[in-house]
Amino acid sequence: MIDIYRELPRQMGHAITVDFLTGRANRAKLSPRLRKQIALYKDGFARLCKKHNALPEMYVEASARFYMDRKGYRFSVTVEDRAGRRQTDEYIGMPGRRVRILDQYGRVRRK
């Protein structure tokens, strides 16, 4: 389990939001170790962008919200580019897998 889930019970709202563009978390009171890990996410996001021939400057938001509910560990990832295109994907479990729901016809679809 990554440290971020261990620290959730101590957080207001039992959630931590990480900004990949700045390498910082929301107003959470984090341990120094987790704060250091989160700071590395900024460089990791830059490497991911480079791998896909993009630049971090192309985005106005790149964040993840980590939380727990009755189904277990969850996180949602939100990305918005400068053109205003925004996408949020939800994941469940460790490692994360996309949340699936039934549509109006009873078919399994990604949420």
C-alpha atoms as a PDB file:
ATOM      1  CA  MET A   1       0.000   0.000   0.000  1.00  0.00           C
ATOM      2  CA  ILE A   2       1.384   3.411  -0.858  1.00  0.00           C
ATOM      3  CA  ASP A   3       1.759   5.851   2.009  1.00  0.00           C
ATOM      4  CA  ILE A   4      -1.014   8.117   0.779  1.00  0.00           C
ATOM      5  CA  TYR A   5      -3.726   5.649   1.820  1.00  0.00           C
ATOM      6  CA  ARG A   6      -2.180   5.207   5.286  1.00  0.00           C
ATOM      7  CA  GLU A   7      -2.555   8.915   5.904  1.00  0.00           C
ATOM      8  CA  LEU A   8      -6.181   9.243   4.773  1.00  0.00           C
ATOM      9  CA  PRO A   9      -7.794   8.658   8.196  1.00  0.00           C
ATOM     10  CA  ARG A  10      -5.966  11.715   9.586  1.00  0.00           C
ATOM     11  CA  GLN A  11      -7.191  14.034   6.828  1.00  0.00           C
ATOM     12  CA  MET A  12     -10.211  16.296   6.830  1.00  0.00           C
ATOM     13  CA  GLY A  13     -12.813  14.574   4.671  1.00  0.00           C
ATOM     14  CA  HIS A  14     -10.618  11.454   4.523  1.00  0.00           C
ATOM     15  CA  ALA A  15      -9.246  12.511   1.137  1.00  0.00           C
ATOM     16  CA  ILE A  16      -6.002  13.852  -0.290  1.00  0.00           C
ATOM     17  CA  THR A  17      -5.819  15.707  -3.596  1.00  0.00           C
ATOM     18  CA  VAL A  18      -2.451  15.775  -5.353  1.00  0.00           C
ATOM     19  CA  ASP A  19      -1.564  18.363  -8.000  1.00  0.00           C
ATOM     20  CA  PHE A  20       0.896  16.839 -10.482  1.00  0.00           C
ATOM     21  CA  LEU A  21       1.724  20.222 -12.009  1.00  0.00           C
ATOM     22  CA  THR A  22       3.074  21.646  -8.753  1.00  0.00           C
ATOM     23  CA  GLY A  23       4.005  18.470  -6.878  1.00  0.00           C
ATOM     24  CA  ARG A  24       1.891  19.508  -3.897  1.00  0.00           C
ATOM     25  CA  ALA A  25      -1.128  18.200  -2.031  1.00  0.00           C
ATOM     26  CA  ASN A  26      -4.208  20.089  -0.898  1.00  0.00           C
ATOM     27  CA  ARG A  27      -4.295  21.475   2.623  1.00  0.00           C
ATOM     28  CA  ALA A  28      -3.591  18.023   4.006  1.00  0.00           C
ATOM     29  CA  LYS A  29      -1.302  17.582   7.004  1.00  0.00           C
ATOM     30  CA  LEU A  30       1.100  15.066   5.527  1.00  0.00           C
ATOM     31  CA  SER A  31       4.114  13.284   6.919  1.00  0.00           C
ATOM     32  CA  PRO A  32       7.471  14.582   5.651  1.00  0.00           C
ATOM     33  CA  ARG A  33       8.015  11.280   3.808  1.00  0.00           C
ATOM     34  CA  LEU A  34       4.741  11.519   1.875  1.00  0.00           C
ATOM     35  CA  ARG A  35       5.269  15.218   1.173  1.00  0.00           C
ATOM     36  CA  LYS A  36       8.644  14.304  -0.373  1.00  0.00           C
ATOM     37  CA  GLN A  37       7.058  11.526  -2.478  1.00  0.00           C
ATOM     38  CA  ILE A  38       4.368  13.889  -3.757  1.00  0.00           C
ATOM     39  CA  ALA A  39       6.994  16.481  -4.709  1.00  0.00           C
ATOM     40  CA  LEU A  40       8.521  13.846  -7.026  1.00  0.00           C
ATOM     41  CA  TYR A  41       5.204  13.495  -8.892  1.00  0.00           C
ATOM     42  CA  LYS A  42       5.869  16.806 -10.659  1.00  0.00           C
ATOM     43  CA  ASP A  43       8.992  15.361 -12.322  1.00  0.00           C
ATOM     44  CA  GLY A  44       7.171  12.102 -13.012  1.00  0.00           C
ATOM     45  CA  PHE A  45       4.398  13.988 -14.792  1.00  0.00           C
ATOM     46  CA  ALA A  46       6.980  15.865 -16.878  1.00  0.00           C
ATOM     47  CA  ARG A  47       8.564  12.532 -17.903  1.00  0.00           C
ATOM     48  CA  LEU A  48       5.149  11.118 -18.805  1.00  0.00           C
ATOM     49  CA  CYS A  49       4.426  14.178 -20.951  1.00  0.00           C
ATOM     50  CA  LYS A  50       7.784  13.890 -22.708  1.00  0.00           C
ATOM     51  CA  LYS A  51       7.153  10.200 -23.417  1.00  0.00           C
ATOM     52  CA  HIS A  52       3.915  11.195 -25.179  1.00  0.00           C
ATOM     53  CA  ASN A  53       5.418  14.201 -27.016  1.00  0.00           C
ATOM     54  CA  ALA A  54       3.617  16.708 -24.817  1.00  0.00           C
ATOM     55  CA  LEU A  55       4.660  19.430 -22.390  1.00  0.00           C
ATOM     56  CA  PRO A  56       3.378  19.959 -18.838  1.00  0.00           C
ATOM     57  CA  GLU A  57       2.634  23.561 -19.867  1.00  0.00           C
ATOM     58  CA  MET A  58      -0.116  22.225 -22.151  1.00  0.00           C
ATOM     59  CA  TYR A  59      -2.235  21.470 -19.078  1.00  0.00           C
ATOM     60  CA  VAL A  60      -4.065  23.710 -16.640  1.00  0.00           C
ATOM     61  CA  GLU A  61      -4.914  20.800 -14.339  1.00  0.00           C
ATOM     62  CA  ALA A  62      -3.468  17.365 -13.711  1.00  0.00           C
ATOM     63  CA  SER A  63      -4.549  16.025 -10.349  1.00  0.00           C
ATOM     64  CA  ALA A  64      -5.603  12.922  -8.468  1.00  0.00           C
ATOM     65  CA  ARG A  65      -7.949  12.648  -5.498  1.00  0.00           C
ATOM     66  CA  PHE A  66      -7.242   9.668  -3.233  1.00  0.00           C
ATOM     67  CA  TYR A  67      -9.946   8.480  -0.840  1.00  0.00           C
ATOM     68  CA  MET A  68     -11.538   5.435   0.757  1.00  0.00           C
ATOM     69  CA  ASP A  69     -15.148   4.344   0.871  1.00  0.00           C
ATOM     70  CA  ARG A  70     -17.017   1.156   1.756  1.00  0.00           C
ATOM     71  CA  LYS A  71     -15.721  -0.474  -1.452  1.00  0.00           C
ATOM     72  CA  GLY A  72     -12.078   0.176  -0.574  1.00  0.00           C
ATOM     73  CA  TYR A  73      -9.268   2.316  -1.925  1.00  0.00           C
ATOM     74  CA  ARG A  74     -10.261   4.680  -4.706  1.00  0.00           C
ATOM     75  CA  PHE A  75      -8.814   7.532  -6.696  1.00  0.00           C
ATOM     76  CA  SER A  76      -9.937   9.786  -9.504  1.00  0.00           C
ATOM     77  CA  VAL A  77      -7.608  11.422 -12.002  1.00  0.00           C
ATOM     78  CA  THR A  78      -8.527  14.726 -13.649  1.00  0.00           C
ATOM     79  CA  VAL A  79      -6.703  16.266 -16.595  1.00  0.00           C
ATOM     80  CA  GLU A  80      -7.615  19.528 -18.326  1.00  0.00           C
ATOM     81  CA  ASP A  81      -5.713  21.058 -21.220  1.00  0.00           C
ATOM     82  CA  ARG A  82      -5.445  24.708 -22.253  1.00  0.00           C
ATOM     83  CA  ALA A  83      -8.194  24.212 -24.857  1.00  0.00           C
ATOM     84  CA  GLY A  84     -10.634  23.462 -22.019  1.00  0.00           C
ATOM     85  CA  ARG A  85     -10.916  19.724 -22.658  1.00  0.00           C
ATOM     86  CA  ARG A  86     -11.380  18.020 -19.304  1.00  0.00           C
ATOM     87  CA  GLN A  87     -11.444  14.324 -18.442  1.00  0.00           C
ATOM     88  CA  THR A  88     -11.938  12.623 -15.080  1.00  0.00           C
ATOM     89  CA  ASP A  89     -11.470   8.872 -14.728  1.00  0.00           C
ATOM     90  CA  GLU A  90     -12.264   6.897 -11.581  1.00  0.00           C
ATOM     91  CA  TYR A  91     -10.275   3.919 -10.336  1.00  0.00           C
ATOM     92  CA  ILE A  92     -10.787   1.401  -7.544  1.00  0.00           C
ATOM     93  CA  GLY A  93      -8.445  -0.945  -5.690  1.00  0.00           C
ATOM     94  CA  MET A  94      -4.710  -1.478  -5.567  1.00  0.00           C
ATOM     95  CA  PRO A  95      -3.501  -1.422  -8.232  1.00  0.00           C
ATOM     96  CA  GLY A  96      -6.171   0.872  -9.584  1.00  0.00           C
ATOM     97  CA  ARG A  97      -8.581  -0.376 -12.215  1.00  0.00           C
ATOM     98  CA  ARG A  98     -11.276   1.625 -13.964  1.00  0.00           C
ATOM     99  CA  VAL A  99     -14.667   1.751 -12.249  1.00  0.00           C
ATOM    100  CA  ARG A 100     -17.341   0.000 -14.301  1.00  0.00           C
ATOM    101  CA  ILE A 101     -21.100   0.481 -14.172  1.00  0.00           C
ATOM    102  CA  LEU A 102     -24.147  -0.924 -15.942  1.00  0.00           C
ATOM    103  CA  ASP A 103     -25.676   1.334 -18.577  1.00  0.00           C
ATOM    104  CA  GLN A 104     -29.413   1.641 -19.222  1.00  0.00           C
ATOM    105  CA  TYR A 105     -29.298  -1.498 -21.400  1.00  0.00           C
ATOM    106  CA  GLY A 106     -27.526  -3.639 -18.806  1.00  0.00           C
ATOM    107  CA  ARG A 107     -24.117  -3.481 -20.508  1.00  0.00           C
ATOM    108  CA  VAL A 108     -20.935  -3.046 -18.478  1.00  0.00           C
ATOM    109  CA  ARG A 109     -19.274   0.288 -19.289  1.00  0.00           C
ATOM    110  CA  ARG A 110     -16.467   2.399 -17.886  1.00  0.00           C
ATOM    111  CA  LYS A 111     -17.760   5.132 -15.657  1.00  0.00           C
END
